[in-house]
Amino acid sequence: LCRSTEDRNKLRDALEAAGIETRPVISGNLVRQPATRDLEYRVSGSLAGADAIMDRGIYWGTDPLMTDEQVDHVVRVVSQALAP
């Protein structure tokens, strides 16, 4: 979970440019998903936490068979992308 949507987008772009696949966290706020548009449901509260996950969350590829070199590559890209 990044500090802002802008940070998430910057990280996503850096990872993708370095050949590391990313995905948004799509399980965030289900109320904002098009699939719920025609469903009847009740919302309790602001759903701020779900919005934060949806707006600032990101997944990137990992695998238990990654080499140390591959892990170092991901760490390097993330560190550089989020450096002040």
Protein backbone atom coordinates (compact mmCIF):
# COMPACT_ATOMS: atom_id res chain seq x y z
CA LEU A 1 0.00 0.00 0.00
CA CYS A 2 1.63 3.24 -1.14
CA ARG A 3 1.27 6.62 0.53
CA SER A 4 -0.62 8.10 -2.41
CA THR A 5 -2.13 7.14 -5.75
CA GLU A 6 0.65 9.12 -7.42
CA ASP A 7 3.31 7.06 -5.59
CA ARG A 8 1.50 3.85 -6.58
CA ASN A 9 1.40 4.94 -10.23
CA LYS A 10 5.08 5.94 -10.16
CA LEU A 11 6.00 2.57 -8.64
CA ARG A 12 3.81 0.69 -11.13
CA ASP A 13 5.41 2.51 -14.06
CA ALA A 14 8.94 1.85 -12.77
CA LEU A 15 8.24 -1.84 -12.19
CA GLU A 16 6.63 -2.30 -15.61
CA ALA A 17 9.51 -0.44 -17.32
CA ALA A 18 11.92 -2.84 -15.61
CA GLY A 19 10.04 -5.88 -16.90
CA ILE A 20 8.24 -6.65 -13.62
CA GLU A 21 4.53 -7.29 -14.08
CA THR A 22 2.09 -5.52 -11.77
CA ARG A 23 -1.60 -5.73 -10.97
CA PRO A 24 -3.92 -3.38 -9.12
CA VAL A 25 -5.51 -4.59 -5.91
CA ILE A 26 -8.96 -5.17 -7.35
CA SER A 27 -10.56 -6.44 -4.17
CA GLY A 28 -10.54 -2.97 -2.62
CA ASN A 29 -13.89 -1.23 -2.60
CA LEU A 30 -16.32 -3.66 -4.23
CA VAL A 31 -19.01 -0.96 -4.22
CA ARG A 32 -16.95 0.87 -6.87
CA GLN A 33 -16.74 -2.18 -9.13
CA PRO A 34 -18.94 -2.12 -12.27
CA ALA A 35 -20.21 -5.61 -11.42
CA THR A 36 -22.10 -4.23 -8.40
CA ARG A 37 -23.84 -1.48 -10.38
CA ASP A 38 -27.13 -3.37 -10.69
CA LEU A 39 -26.99 -5.20 -7.36
CA GLU A 40 -28.99 -4.20 -4.32
CA TYR A 41 -26.71 -3.70 -1.31
CA ARG A 42 -26.31 -1.62 1.83
CA VAL A 43 -23.17 0.34 2.73
CA SER A 44 -22.25 0.79 6.38
CA GLY A 45 -19.70 3.55 6.91
CA SER A 46 -17.39 5.45 4.62
CA LEU A 47 -15.40 2.48 3.25
CA ALA A 48 -12.27 4.66 3.51
CA GLY A 49 -10.05 1.62 4.13
CA ALA A 50 -11.39 -0.17 1.07
CA ASP A 51 -10.90 2.99 -1.00
CA ALA A 52 -7.29 3.29 0.21
CA ILE A 53 -6.57 -0.30 -0.84
CA MET A 54 -8.17 0.21 -4.23
CA ASP A 55 -6.51 3.57 -4.90
CA ARG A 56 -3.04 2.95 -3.43
CA GLY A 57 -2.50 -0.81 -3.47
CA ILE A 58 -0.34 -2.74 -5.92
CA TYR A 59 0.83 -6.30 -6.49
CA TRP A 60 3.98 -7.27 -8.34
CA GLY A 61 5.21 -10.63 -9.46
CA THR A 62 6.93 -12.99 -7.05
CA ASP A 63 7.74 -16.66 -7.24
CA PRO A 64 9.32 -19.09 -4.77
CA LEU A 65 11.80 -20.04 -7.50
CA MET A 66 13.10 -16.48 -8.01
CA THR A 67 16.89 -16.25 -7.95
CA ASP A 68 18.72 -13.89 -5.63
CA GLU A 69 19.53 -11.79 -8.69
CA GLN A 70 15.82 -11.49 -9.57
CA VAL A 71 14.89 -10.55 -5.99
CA ASP A 72 17.69 -7.97 -5.93
CA HIS A 73 16.37 -6.54 -9.20
CA VAL A 74 12.88 -6.05 -7.71
CA VAL A 75 14.30 -4.52 -4.52
CA ARG A 76 16.49 -2.15 -6.54
CA VAL A 77 13.59 -0.98 -8.74
CA VAL A 78 11.23 -0.47 -5.79
CA SER A 79 13.90 1.36 -3.77
CA GLN A 80 14.72 3.69 -6.65
CA ALA A 81 11.08 4.35 -7.50
CA LEU A 82 10.18 5.29 -3.92
CA ALA A 83 13.35 7.22 -3.09
CA PRO A 84 12.69 10.82 -2.05
